[in-house]
PDB file of N, CA and C in Angstrom:
ATOM      1  N   MET A   1       0.767  -1.137   0.005  1.00  0.00           N
ATOM      2  CA  MET A   1      -0.019   0.026  -0.026  1.00  0.00           C
ATOM      3  C   MET A   1       0.899   1.213   0.046  1.00  0.00           C
ATOM      4  N   ALA A   2       0.966   1.843  -1.113  1.00  0.00           N
ATOM      5  CA  ALA A   2       1.924   2.969  -1.333  1.00  0.00           C
ATOM      6  C   ALA A   2       1.276   4.237  -0.617  1.00  0.00           C
ATOM      7  N   GLN A   3      -0.058   4.330  -0.646  1.00  0.00           N
ATOM      8  CA  GLN A   3      -0.737   5.525  -0.134  1.00  0.00           C
ATOM      9  C   GLN A   3      -1.067   5.272   1.411  1.00  0.00           C
ATOM     10  N   ASN A   4      -1.133   6.410   2.104  1.00  0.00           N
ATOM     11  CA  ASN A   4      -1.526   6.291   3.504  1.00  0.00           C
ATOM     12  C   ASN A   4      -3.003   6.661   3.571  1.00  0.00           C
ATOM     13  N   LEU A   5      -3.906   5.751   3.230  1.00  0.00           N
ATOM     14  CA  LEU A   5      -5.267   5.956   3.364  1.00  0.00           C
ATOM     15  C   LEU A   5      -5.756   5.515   4.617  1.00  0.00           C
ATOM     16  N   LYS A   6      -6.828   6.149   5.240  1.00  0.00           N
ATOM     17  CA  LYS A   6      -7.372   5.737   6.510  1.00  0.00           C
ATOM     18  C   LYS A   6      -8.804   6.111   6.487  1.00  0.00           C
ATOM     19  N   THR A   7      -9.539   5.495   7.424  1.00  0.00           N
ATOM     20  CA  THR A   7     -11.028   5.833   7.557  1.00  0.00           C
ATOM     21  C   THR A   7     -11.229   7.259   7.725  1.00  0.00           C
ATOM     22  N   GLY A   8     -12.190   7.909   7.032  1.00  0.00           N
ATOM     23  CA  GLY A   8     -12.465   9.280   7.128  1.00  0.00           C
ATOM     24  C   GLY A   8     -11.885  10.075   5.962  1.00  0.00           C
ATOM     25  N   ASP A   9     -10.898   9.559   5.202  1.00  0.00           N
ATOM     26  CA  ASP A   9     -10.251  10.351   4.127  1.00  0.00           C
ATOM     27  C   ASP A   9     -11.274  10.450   2.922  1.00  0.00           C
ATOM     28  N   LYS A  10     -11.216  11.583   2.211  1.00  0.00           N
ATOM     29  CA  LYS A  10     -11.940  11.756   1.053  1.00  0.00           C
ATOM     30  C   LYS A  10     -11.036  11.240  -0.142  1.00  0.00           C
ATOM     31  N   VAL A  11     -11.621  10.391  -1.003  1.00  0.00           N
ATOM     32  CA  VAL A  11     -10.922   9.792  -2.084  1.00  0.00           C
ATOM     33  C   VAL A  11     -11.702   9.926  -3.402  1.00  0.00           C
ATOM     34  N   ILE A  12     -10.983   9.746  -4.529  1.00  0.00           N
ATOM     35  CA  ILE A  12     -11.633   9.708  -5.742  1.00  0.00           C
ATOM     36  C   ILE A  12     -11.176   8.414  -6.445  1.00  0.00           C
ATOM     37  N   VAL A  13     -12.126   7.765  -7.162  1.00  0.00           N
ATOM     38  CA  VAL A  13     -11.871   6.481  -7.845  1.00  0.00           C
ATOM     39  C   VAL A  13     -11.159   6.789  -9.216  1.00  0.00           C
ATOM     40  N   ILE A  14     -10.007   6.238  -9.492  1.00  0.00           N
ATOM     41  CA  ILE A  14      -9.253   6.559 -10.718  1.00  0.00           C
ATOM     42  C   ILE A  14      -9.350   5.588 -11.778  1.00  0.00           C
ATOM     43  N   SER A  15      -9.871   4.368 -11.440  1.00  0.00           N
ATOM     44  CA  SER A  15     -10.162   3.384 -12.518  1.00  0.00           C
ATOM     45  C   SER A  15     -11.220   2.387 -12.151  1.00  0.00           C
ATOM     46  N   GLY A  16     -11.793   1.788 -13.113  1.00  0.00           N
ATOM     47  CA  GLY A  16     -12.763   0.764 -12.872  1.00  0.00           C
ATOM     48  C   GLY A  16     -14.198   1.267 -13.222  1.00  0.00           C
ATOM     49  N   GLY A  17     -15.226   0.602 -12.778  1.00  0.00           N
ATOM     50  CA  GLY A  17     -16.550   0.899 -13.109  1.00  0.00           C
ATOM     51  C   GLY A  17     -16.991   2.153 -12.544  1.00  0.00           C
ATOM     52  N   HIS A  18     -16.515   2.651 -11.368  1.00  0.00           N
ATOM     53  CA  HIS A  18     -16.931   3.792 -10.635  1.00  0.00           C
ATOM     54  C   HIS A  18     -15.964   4.923 -10.892  1.00  0.00           C
ATOM     55  N   LYS A  19     -15.232   4.970 -11.971  1.00  0.00           N
ATOM     56  CA  LYS A  19     -14.175   5.932 -12.277  1.00  0.00           C
ATOM     57  C   LYS A  19     -14.740   7.354 -12.174  1.00  0.00           C
ATOM     58  N   GLY A  20     -14.081   8.280 -11.576  1.00  0.00           N
ATOM     59  CA  GLY A  20     -14.488   9.653 -11.416  1.00  0.00           C
ATOM     60  C   GLY A  20     -15.453   9.920 -10.232  1.00  0.00           C
ATOM     61  N   GLU A  21     -15.914   8.964  -9.503  1.00  0.00           N
ATOM     62  CA  GLU A  21     -16.820   9.218  -8.458  1.00  0.00           C
ATOM     63  C   GLU A  21     -15.866   9.393  -7.178  1.00  0.00           C
ATOM     64  N   SER A  22     -16.426  10.158  -6.300  1.00  0.00           N
ATOM     65  CA  SER A  22     -15.549  10.448  -5.049  1.00  0.00           C
ATOM     66  C   SER A  22     -16.530  10.247  -3.775  1.00  0.00           C
ATOM     67  N   GLY A  23     -15.911  10.015  -2.676  1.00  0.00           N
ATOM     68  CA  GLY A  23     -16.600   9.864  -1.472  1.00  0.00           C
ATOM     69  C   GLY A  23     -15.637   9.722  -0.319  1.00  0.00           C
ATOM     70  N   LYS A  24     -16.144   9.477   0.883  1.00  0.00           N
ATOM     71  CA  LYS A  24     -15.415   9.343   2.160  1.00  0.00           C
ATOM     72  C   LYS A  24     -15.306   7.899   2.519  1.00  0.00           C
ATOM     73  N   ILE A  25     -14.109   7.455   2.959  1.00  0.00           N
ATOM     74  CA  ILE A  25     -13.919   6.042   3.347  1.00  0.00           C
ATOM     75  C   ILE A  25     -14.572   5.772   4.665  1.00  0.00           C
ATOM     76  N   VAL A  26     -15.423   4.752   4.646  1.00  0.00           N
ATOM     77  CA  VAL A  26     -16.258   4.375   5.755  1.00  0.00           C
ATOM     78  C   VAL A  26     -15.569   3.325   6.560  1.00  0.00           C
ATOM     79  N   LYS A  27     -14.912   2.302   5.888  1.00  0.00           N
ATOM     80  CA  LYS A  27     -14.179   1.220   6.573  1.00  0.00           C
ATOM     81  C   LYS A  27     -13.046   0.746   5.635  1.00  0.00           C
ATOM     82  N   MET A  28     -12.018   0.237   6.319  1.00  0.00           N
ATOM     83  CA  MET A  28     -10.950  -0.348   5.554  1.00  0.00           C
ATOM     84  C   MET A  28     -10.751  -1.746   5.843  1.00  0.00           C
ATOM     85  N   ASP A  29     -10.407  -2.499   4.859  1.00  0.00           N
ATOM     86  CA  ASP A  29     -10.051  -3.984   4.932  1.00  0.00           C
ATOM     87  C   ASP A  29      -8.643  -4.122   4.534  1.00  0.00           C
ATOM     88  N   LYS A  30      -7.749  -3.959   5.498  1.00  0.00           N
ATOM     89  CA  LYS A  30      -6.343  -4.042   5.184  1.00  0.00           C
ATOM     90  C   LYS A  30      -5.795  -5.415   4.862  1.00  0.00           C
ATOM     91  N   GLN A  31      -6.406  -6.511   5.145  1.00  0.00           N
ATOM     92  CA  GLN A  31      -6.066  -7.861   4.793  1.00  0.00           C
ATOM     93  C   GLN A  31      -6.411  -7.999   3.255  1.00  0.00           C
ATOM     94  N   ALA A  32      -7.433  -7.550   2.765  1.00  0.00           N
ATOM     95  CA  ALA A  32      -7.828  -7.699   1.327  1.00  0.00           C
ATOM     96  C   ALA A  32      -7.382  -6.430   0.482  1.00  0.00           C
ATOM     97  N   ASN A  33      -6.799  -5.429   1.105  1.00  0.00           N
ATOM     98  CA  ASN A  33      -6.411  -4.160   0.363  1.00  0.00           C
ATOM     99  C   ASN A  33      -7.568  -3.517  -0.248  1.00  0.00           C
ATOM    100  N   LYS A  34      -8.717  -3.378   0.463  1.00  0.00           N
ATOM    101  CA  LYS A  34      -9.910  -2.784   0.006  1.00  0.00           C
ATOM    102  C   LYS A  34     -10.447  -1.766   0.930  1.00  0.00           C
ATOM    103  N   ALA A  35     -11.106  -0.791   0.358  1.00  0.00           N
ATOM    104  CA  ALA A  35     -11.813   0.329   1.163  1.00  0.00           C
ATOM    105  C   ALA A  35     -13.293   0.363   0.800  1.00  0.00           C
ATOM    106  N   MET A  36     -14.133   0.561   1.816  1.00  0.00           N
ATOM    107  CA  MET A  36     -15.524   0.756   1.566  1.00  0.00           C
ATOM    108  C   MET A  36     -15.815   2.178   1.595  1.00  0.00           C
ATOM    109  N   ILE A  37     -16.400   2.770   0.502  1.00  0.00           N
ATOM    110  CA  ILE A  37     -16.643   4.143   0.317  1.00  0.00           C
ATOM    111  C   ILE A  37     -18.114   4.457   0.360  1.00  0.00           C
ATOM    112  N   GLU A  38     -18.563   5.439   1.152  1.00  0.00           N
ATOM    113  CA  GLU A  38     -20.003   5.699   1.301  1.00  0.00           C
ATOM    114  C   GLU A  38     -20.550   6.145  -0.061  1.00  0.00           C
ATOM    115  N   GLY A  39     -21.608   5.375  -0.400  1.00  0.00           N
ATOM    116  CA  GLY A  39     -22.404   5.692  -1.649  1.00  0.00           C
ATOM    117  C   GLY A  39     -21.851   5.000  -2.893  1.00  0.00           C
ATOM    118  N   ILE A  40     -20.662   4.301  -2.775  1.00  0.00           N
ATOM    119  CA  ILE A  40     -20.127   3.680  -3.916  1.00  0.00           C
ATOM    120  C   ILE A  40     -20.017   2.149  -3.674  1.00  0.00           C
ATOM    121  N   GLY A  41     -20.449   1.317  -4.525  1.00  0.00           N
ATOM    122  CA  GLY A  41     -20.296  -0.086  -4.263  1.00  0.00           C
ATOM    123  C   GLY A  41     -21.269  -0.695  -3.261  1.00  0.00           C
ATOM    124  N   VAL A  42     -22.468  -0.039  -3.109  1.00  0.00           N
ATOM    125  CA  VAL A  42     -23.413  -0.564  -2.185  1.00  0.00           C
ATOM    126  C   VAL A  42     -24.440  -1.376  -2.876  1.00  0.00           C
ATOM    127  N   VAL A  43     -24.577  -2.674  -2.390  1.00  0.00           N
ATOM    128  CA  VAL A  43     -25.496  -3.602  -3.088  1.00  0.00           C
ATOM    129  C   VAL A  43     -26.380  -4.247  -2.050  1.00  0.00           C
ATOM    130  N   GLU A  44     -27.445  -4.870  -2.497  1.00  0.00           N
ATOM    131  CA  GLU A  44     -28.331  -5.641  -1.575  1.00  0.00           C
ATOM    132  C   GLU A  44     -28.043  -7.028  -1.826  1.00  0.00           C
ATOM    133  N   ARG A  45     -27.948  -7.852  -0.734  1.00  0.00           N
ATOM    134  CA  ARG A  45     -27.793  -9.324  -0.722  1.00  0.00           C
ATOM    135  C   ARG A  45     -29.033  -9.928  -0.158  1.00  0.00           C
ATOM    136  N   HIS A  46     -29.435 -11.042  -0.761  1.00  0.00           N
ATOM    137  CA  HIS A  46     -30.592 -11.752  -0.193  1.00  0.00           C
ATOM    138  C   HIS A  46     -30.144 -12.672   0.880  1.00  0.00           C
ATOM    139  N   VAL A  47     -30.825 -12.681   2.062  1.00  0.00           N
ATOM    140  CA  VAL A  47     -30.425 -13.394   3.267  1.00  0.00           C
ATOM    141  C   VAL A  47     -31.494 -14.580   3.459  1.00  0.00           C
ATOM    142  N   LYS A  48     -30.945 -15.690   3.572  1.00  0.00           N
ATOM    143  CA  LYS A  48     -31.732 -16.901   3.789  1.00  0.00           C
ATOM    144  C   LYS A  48     -32.344 -16.941   5.198  1.00  0.00           C
ATOM    145  N   ALA A  49     -33.576 -17.411   5.389  1.00  0.00           N
ATOM    146  CA  ALA A  49     -34.173 -17.526   6.661  1.00  0.00           C
ATOM    147  C   ALA A  49     -33.388 -18.296   7.573  1.00  0.00           C
ATOM    148  N   SER A  50     -33.263 -17.954   8.837  1.00  0.00           N
ATOM    149  CA  SER A  50     -32.474 -18.644   9.894  1.00  0.00           C
ATOM    150  C   SER A  50     -33.205 -18.389  11.245  1.00  0.00           C
ATOM    151  N   PRO A  51     -32.799 -19.152  12.217  1.00  0.00           N
ATOM    152  CA  PRO A  51     -33.451 -18.972  13.519  1.00  0.00           C
ATOM    153  C   PRO A  51     -33.291 -17.507  14.070  1.00  0.00           C
ATOM    154  N   ILE A  52     -32.173 -16.859  13.759  1.00  0.00           N
ATOM    155  CA  ILE A  52     -31.987 -15.483  14.183  1.00  0.00           C
ATOM    156  C   ILE A  52     -32.867 -14.500  13.409  1.00  0.00           C
ATOM    157  N   ASN A  53     -33.048 -14.803  12.098  1.00  0.00           N
ATOM    158  CA  ASN A  53     -33.778 -13.914  11.200  1.00  0.00           C
ATOM    159  C   ASN A  53     -34.761 -14.907  10.441  1.00  0.00           C
ATOM    160  N   PRO A  54     -35.932 -15.167  11.097  1.00  0.00           N
ATOM    161  CA  PRO A  54     -36.906 -16.204  10.594  1.00  0.00           C
ATOM    162  C   PRO A  54     -37.510 -15.883   9.186  1.00  0.00           C
ATOM    163  N   ARG A  55     -37.628 -14.554   8.856  1.00  0.00           N
ATOM    164  CA  ARG A  55     -38.279 -14.212   7.604  1.00  0.00           C
ATOM    165  C   ARG A  55     -37.242 -14.089   6.456  1.00  0.00           C
ATOM    166  N   GLY A  56     -35.992 -14.023   6.741  1.00  0.00           N
ATOM    167  CA  GLY A  56     -34.994 -13.793   5.669  1.00  0.00           C
ATOM    168  C   GLY A  56     -35.075 -12.302   5.209  1.00  0.00           C
ATOM    169  N   GLY A  57     -34.818 -12.080   3.901  1.00  0.00           N
ATOM    170  CA  GLY A  57     -34.986 -10.780   3.396  1.00  0.00           C
ATOM    171  C   GLY A  57     -33.806 -10.341   2.738  1.00  0.00           C
ATOM    172  N   LYS A  58     -33.598  -8.901   2.644  1.00  0.00           N
ATOM    173  CA  LYS A  58     -32.526  -8.304   1.972  1.00  0.00           C
ATOM    174  C   LYS A  58     -31.594  -7.577   2.997  1.00  0.00           C
ATOM    175  N   LYS A  59     -30.338  -7.532   2.677  1.00  0.00           N
ATOM    176  CA  LYS A  59     -29.398  -6.775   3.537  1.00  0.00           C
ATOM    177  C   LYS A  59     -28.488  -5.992   2.685  1.00  0.00           C
ATOM    178  N   THR A  60     -28.267  -4.704   3.047  1.00  0.00           N
ATOM    179  CA  THR A  60     -27.450  -3.784   2.281  1.00  0.00           C
ATOM    180  C   THR A  60     -25.981  -3.997   2.756  1.00  0.00           C
ATOM    181  N   VAL A  61     -25.047  -4.235   1.797  1.00  0.00           N
ATOM    182  CA  VAL A  61     -23.596  -4.341   2.114  1.00  0.00           C
ATOM    183  C   VAL A  61     -22.805  -3.533   1.208  1.00  0.00           C
ATOM    184  N   HIS A  62     -21.627  -3.135   1.638  1.00  0.00           N
ATOM    185  CA  HIS A  62     -20.578  -2.403   0.820  1.00  0.00           C
ATOM    186  C   HIS A  62     -19.694  -3.485   0.145  1.00  0.00           C
ATOM    187  N   LEU A  63     -19.439  -3.273  -1.129  1.00  0.00           N
ATOM    188  CA  LEU A  63     -18.375  -3.996  -1.797  1.00  0.00           C
ATOM    189  C   LEU A  63     -17.091  -3.142  -1.737  1.00  0.00           C
ATOM    190  N   GLY A  64     -16.054  -3.708  -1.411  1.00  0.00           N
ATOM    191  CA  GLY A  64     -14.800  -3.056  -1.326  1.00  0.00           C
ATOM    192  C   GLY A  64     -14.219  -2.673  -2.716  1.00  0.00           C
ATOM    193  N   ILE A  65     -13.546  -1.528  -2.696  1.00  0.00           N
ATOM    194  CA  ILE A  65     -12.799  -1.089  -3.926  1.00  0.00           C
ATOM    195  C   ILE A  65     -11.339  -1.154  -3.588  1.00  0.00           C
ATOM    196  N   ASP A  66     -10.644  -1.752  -4.522  1.00  0.00           N
ATOM    197  CA  ASP A  66      -9.185  -1.988  -4.263  1.00  0.00           C
ATOM    198  C   ASP A  66      -8.408  -0.643  -4.053  1.00  0.00           C
ATOM    199  N   LEU A  67      -7.470  -0.668  -3.222  1.00  0.00           N
ATOM    200  CA  LEU A  67      -6.794   0.620  -2.894  1.00  0.00           C
ATOM    201  C   LEU A  67      -5.981   1.090  -4.040  1.00  0.00           C
ATOM    202  N   SER A  68      -5.654   0.266  -4.969  1.00  0.00           N
ATOM    203  CA  SER A  68      -4.852   0.733  -6.092  1.00  0.00           C
ATOM    204  C   SER A  68      -5.752   1.504  -7.045  1.00  0.00           C
ATOM    205  N   ASN A  69      -6.972   1.452  -6.913  1.00  0.00           N
ATOM    206  CA  ASN A  69      -7.962   2.212  -7.775  1.00  0.00           C
ATOM    207  C   ASN A  69      -8.436   3.547  -7.108  1.00  0.00           C
ATOM    208  N   LEU A  70      -7.826   3.885  -5.989  1.00  0.00           N
ATOM    209  CA  LEU A  70      -8.149   5.107  -5.259  1.00  0.00           C
ATOM    210  C   LEU A  70      -7.088   6.144  -5.183  1.00  0.00           C
ATOM    211  N   LYS A  71      -7.473   7.389  -5.142  1.00  0.00           N
ATOM    212  CA  LYS A  71      -6.447   8.511  -4.937  1.00  0.00           C
ATOM    213  C   LYS A  71      -7.054   9.456  -3.879  1.00  0.00           C
ATOM    214  N   LYS A  72      -6.169   9.848  -2.921  1.00  0.00           N
ATOM    215  CA  LYS A  72      -6.619  10.704  -1.902  1.00  0.00           C
ATOM    216  C   LYS A  72      -6.775  12.160  -2.455  1.00  0.00           C
ATOM    217  N   MET A  73      -7.949  12.734  -2.126  1.00  0.00           N
ATOM    218  CA  MET A  73      -8.187  14.076  -2.659  1.00  0.00           C
ATOM    219  C   MET A  73      -7.506  15.019  -1.743  1.00  0.00           C
ATOM    220  N   GLU A  74      -6.774  15.880  -2.349  1.00  0.00           N
ATOM    221  CA  GLU A  74      -5.969  16.956  -1.633  1.00  0.00           C
ATOM    222  C   GLU A  74      -6.825  18.211  -1.422  1.00  0.00           C
ATOM    223  N   GLY A  75      -6.556  18.946  -0.456  1.00  0.00           N
ATOM    224  CA  GLY A  75      -7.178  20.129  -0.121  1.00  0.00           C
ATOM    225  C   GLY A  75      -7.808  20.237   1.173  1.00  0.00           C
ATOM    226  N   LYS A  76      -8.631  21.170   1.450  1.00  0.00           N
ATOM    227  CA  LYS A  76      -9.255  21.400   2.791  1.00  0.00           C
ATOM    228  C   LYS A  76     -10.225  20.153   3.064  1.00  0.00           C
ATOM    229  N   LYS A  77     -10.225  19.828   4.370  1.00  0.00           N
ATOM    230  CA  LYS A  77     -11.103  18.703   4.790  1.00  0.00           C
ATOM    231  C   LYS A  77     -12.503  19.235   5.124  1.00  0.00           C
TER     232      LYS A  77
END
């Protein structure tokens, strides 16, 4: 990881399907070298019924964006 990105930093996506979009880092996954950015890569997953959740349903989750596809935005915070 060449960049020093951390939770709360404002970043811009420089490549991939979300190229040009920007947002704030909500969560980092350093094991997988991915960052979850608010409003980008949010999808719904179907959840199977279980004893904890007897009805099942949908769950909103963030898909991580690889750190190599992100660039820290310079300027005032």
